[in-house]
């Protein structure tokens, strides 16, 4: 699994919780690192925040799906909107989860 978020506390907490559930987890805190991590680690699941610093995670969906067409993408955001959810799903995200969210909710 690849978790992409610019919040270091979210990243470390999510990583720790996922590893306790026997997931192999890579993390990225910006768009460039996310693209590299997706190529290197070939995750089956990507948890992708909408706002990654000044970048929009929705803009990464298409390139991540091109790189790995079967990857399941779960979008997260602290500022949910219907328009963002629709756009993310249209581009290939599998789910849209508002923050704060639990590992269980993302895995479901």
C-alpha atoms as a PDB file:
ATOM      1  CA  UNK A   1       0.000   0.000   0.000  1.00  0.00           C
ATOM      2  CA  UNK A   2       1.105   3.546  -0.695  1.00  0.00           C
ATOM      3  CA  UNK A   3      -0.138   6.362   1.551  1.00  0.00           C
ATOM      4  CA  UNK A   4       0.266   9.884   0.144  1.00  0.00           C
ATOM      5  CA  UNK A   5      -0.312  12.843   2.450  1.00  0.00           C
ATOM      6  CA  UNK A   6       1.592  15.999   3.361  1.00  0.00           C
ATOM      7  CA  UNK A   7       0.705  15.640   7.062  1.00  0.00           C
ATOM      8  CA  UNK A   8       3.583  13.787   8.763  1.00  0.00           C
ATOM      9  CA  UNK A   9       1.445  12.814  11.767  1.00  0.00           C
ATOM     10  CA  UNK A  10      -1.230  11.271   9.525  1.00  0.00           C
ATOM     11  CA  UNK A  11       1.435   9.415   7.531  1.00  0.00           C
ATOM     12  CA  UNK A  12       3.227   7.949  10.532  1.00  0.00           C
ATOM     13  CA  UNK A  13       0.008   7.027  12.352  1.00  0.00           C
ATOM     14  CA  UNK A  14      -1.558   5.405   9.300  1.00  0.00           C
ATOM     15  CA  UNK A  15       1.644   3.553   8.447  1.00  0.00           C
ATOM     16  CA  UNK A  16       1.987   2.175  11.967  1.00  0.00           C
ATOM     17  CA  UNK A  17      -1.669   1.062  12.084  1.00  0.00           C
ATOM     18  CA  UNK A  18      -1.463  -0.600   8.671  1.00  0.00           C
ATOM     19  CA  UNK A  19       1.797  -2.382   9.485  1.00  0.00           C
ATOM     20  CA  UNK A  20       0.174  -3.761  12.645  1.00  0.00           C
ATOM     21  CA  UNK A  21      -2.350  -5.321  10.264  1.00  0.00           C
ATOM     22  CA  UNK A  22       0.481  -6.891   8.224  1.00  0.00           C
ATOM     23  CA  UNK A  23       0.377  -4.459   5.297  1.00  0.00           C
ATOM     24  CA  UNK A  24       3.630  -3.500   3.585  1.00  0.00           C
ATOM     25  CA  UNK A  25       3.385   0.307   3.486  1.00  0.00           C
ATOM     26  CA  UNK A  26       5.276   2.942   1.533  1.00  0.00           C
ATOM     27  CA  UNK A  27       4.627   6.630   2.134  1.00  0.00           C
ATOM     28  CA  UNK A  28       5.050   9.841   0.192  1.00  0.00           C
ATOM     29  CA  UNK A  29       4.575  13.402   1.342  1.00  0.00           C
ATOM     30  CA  UNK A  30       4.478  15.157  -2.040  1.00  0.00           C
ATOM     31  CA  UNK A  31       3.428  14.578  -5.644  1.00  0.00           C
ATOM     32  CA  UNK A  32       6.918  13.832  -6.966  1.00  0.00           C
ATOM     33  CA  UNK A  33       7.616  11.246  -4.250  1.00  0.00           C
ATOM     34  CA  UNK A  34       4.193   9.676  -4.846  1.00  0.00           C
ATOM     35  CA  UNK A  35       4.933   9.112  -8.536  1.00  0.00           C
ATOM     36  CA  UNK A  36       8.301   7.532  -7.761  1.00  0.00           C
ATOM     37  CA  UNK A  37       6.909   5.374  -4.945  1.00  0.00           C
ATOM     38  CA  UNK A  38       4.105   4.108  -7.190  1.00  0.00           C
ATOM     39  CA  UNK A  39       6.632   3.037  -9.849  1.00  0.00           C
ATOM     40  CA  UNK A  40       9.055   1.465  -7.384  1.00  0.00           C
ATOM     41  CA  UNK A  41       6.647  -0.268  -4.996  1.00  0.00           C
ATOM     42  CA  UNK A  42       3.785  -1.138  -7.380  1.00  0.00           C
ATOM     43  CA  UNK A  43       1.122  -0.872  -4.661  1.00  0.00           C
ATOM     44  CA  UNK A  44      -2.229  -2.623  -4.970  1.00  0.00           C
ATOM     45  CA  UNK A  45      -3.883   0.144  -2.919  1.00  0.00           C
ATOM     46  CA  UNK A  46      -3.120   3.863  -2.759  1.00  0.00           C
ATOM     47  CA  UNK A  47      -4.539   6.132  -0.066  1.00  0.00           C
ATOM     48  CA  UNK A  48      -4.289   9.584  -1.619  1.00  0.00           C
ATOM     49  CA  UNK A  49      -5.064  12.903   0.047  1.00  0.00           C
ATOM     50  CA  UNK A  50      -6.723  15.536  -2.114  1.00  0.00           C
ATOM     51  CA  UNK A  51      -4.539  18.389  -0.895  1.00  0.00           C
ATOM     52  CA  UNK A  52      -0.834  17.520  -0.918  1.00  0.00           C
ATOM     53  CA  UNK A  53       0.908  20.777  -0.123  1.00  0.00           C
ATOM     54  CA  UNK A  54       0.076  23.072  -3.033  1.00  0.00           C
ATOM     55  CA  UNK A  55      -0.849  20.153  -5.296  1.00  0.00           C
ATOM     56  CA  UNK A  56      -4.176  18.461  -5.907  1.00  0.00           C
ATOM     57  CA  UNK A  57      -4.154  14.682  -5.434  1.00  0.00           C
ATOM     58  CA  UNK A  58      -7.034  14.327  -7.882  1.00  0.00           C
ATOM     59  CA  UNK A  59      -4.603  15.337 -10.626  1.00  0.00           C
ATOM     60  CA  UNK A  60      -2.486  12.257  -9.810  1.00  0.00           C
ATOM     61  CA  UNK A  61      -5.248   9.698 -10.279  1.00  0.00           C
ATOM     62  CA  UNK A  62      -4.919   9.287 -14.034  1.00  0.00           C
ATOM     63  CA  UNK A  63      -1.129   8.919 -14.028  1.00  0.00           C
ATOM     64  CA  UNK A  64      -1.239   6.465 -11.112  1.00  0.00           C
ATOM     65  CA  UNK A  65      -3.870   4.361 -12.900  1.00  0.00           C
ATOM     66  CA  UNK A  66      -1.829   4.440 -16.137  1.00  0.00           C
ATOM     67  CA  UNK A  67       1.182   3.203 -14.198  1.00  0.00           C
ATOM     68  CA  UNK A  68      -0.841   0.470 -12.500  1.00  0.00           C
ATOM     69  CA  UNK A  69      -4.331  -0.001 -14.010  1.00  0.00           C
ATOM     70  CA  UNK A  70      -5.561  -2.401 -11.330  1.00  0.00           C
ATOM     71  CA  UNK A  71      -4.560  -0.219  -8.363  1.00  0.00           C
ATOM     72  CA  UNK A  72      -7.386   0.681  -5.971  1.00  0.00           C
ATOM     73  CA  UNK A  73      -7.293   4.367  -5.050  1.00  0.00           C
ATOM     74  CA  UNK A  74      -8.963   5.683  -1.909  1.00  0.00           C
ATOM     75  CA  UNK A  75      -9.131   9.472  -1.737  1.00  0.00           C
ATOM     76  CA  UNK A  76      -9.046  11.199   1.657  1.00  0.00           C
ATOM     77  CA  UNK A  77      -9.656  14.814   2.536  1.00  0.00           C
ATOM     78  CA  UNK A  78     -10.204  17.079   5.485  1.00  0.00           C
ATOM     79  CA  UNK A  79     -12.432  19.295   3.327  1.00  0.00           C
ATOM     80  CA  UNK A  80     -14.898  16.990   1.561  1.00  0.00           C
ATOM     81  CA  UNK A  81     -17.033  18.273  -1.265  1.00  0.00           C
ATOM     82  CA  UNK A  82     -19.478  16.547  -3.552  1.00  0.00           C
ATOM     83  CA  UNK A  83     -17.721  17.991  -6.631  1.00  0.00           C
ATOM     84  CA  UNK A  84     -14.332  16.593  -5.568  1.00  0.00           C
ATOM     85  CA  UNK A  85     -15.834  13.196  -4.813  1.00  0.00           C
ATOM     86  CA  UNK A  86     -17.516  13.024  -8.220  1.00  0.00           C
ATOM     87  CA  UNK A  87     -14.361  14.135 -10.048  1.00  0.00           C
ATOM     88  CA  UNK A  88     -12.163  11.651  -8.164  1.00  0.00           C
ATOM     89  CA  UNK A  89     -14.533   8.772  -8.905  1.00  0.00           C
ATOM     90  CA  UNK A  90     -14.854   9.814 -12.559  1.00  0.00           C
ATOM     91  CA  UNK A  91     -11.069   9.671 -12.926  1.00  0.00           C
ATOM     92  CA  UNK A  92     -10.829   6.215 -11.366  1.00  0.00           C
ATOM     93  CA  UNK A  93     -10.755   6.499  -7.590  1.00  0.00           C
ATOM     94  CA  UNK A  94     -12.602   3.649  -5.903  1.00  0.00           C
ATOM     95  CA  UNK A  95     -13.705   5.471  -2.790  1.00  0.00           C
ATOM     96  CA  UNK A  96     -13.715   8.891  -1.166  1.00  0.00           C
ATOM     97  CA  UNK A  97     -13.269   9.020   2.632  1.00  0.00           C
ATOM     98  CA  UNK A  98     -13.505  12.247   4.664  1.00  0.00           C
ATOM     99  CA  UNK A  99     -10.956  12.880   7.413  1.00  0.00           C
ATOM    100  CA  UNK A 100     -10.595  12.207  10.185  1.00  0.00           C
ATOM    101  CA  UNK A 101     -10.763   8.608   9.122  1.00  0.00           C
ATOM    102  CA  UNK A 102      -9.743   5.325  10.642  1.00  0.00           C
ATOM    103  CA  UNK A 103      -7.663   2.608   9.074  1.00  0.00           C
ATOM    104  CA  UNK A 104     -10.705   0.346   9.288  1.00  0.00           C
ATOM    105  CA  UNK A 105     -12.789   2.813   7.259  1.00  0.00           C
ATOM    106  CA  UNK A 106     -10.141   3.100   4.555  1.00  0.00           C
ATOM    107  CA  UNK A 107      -9.657  -0.667   4.362  1.00  0.00           C
ATOM    108  CA  UNK A 108     -13.416  -1.229   4.111  1.00  0.00           C
END
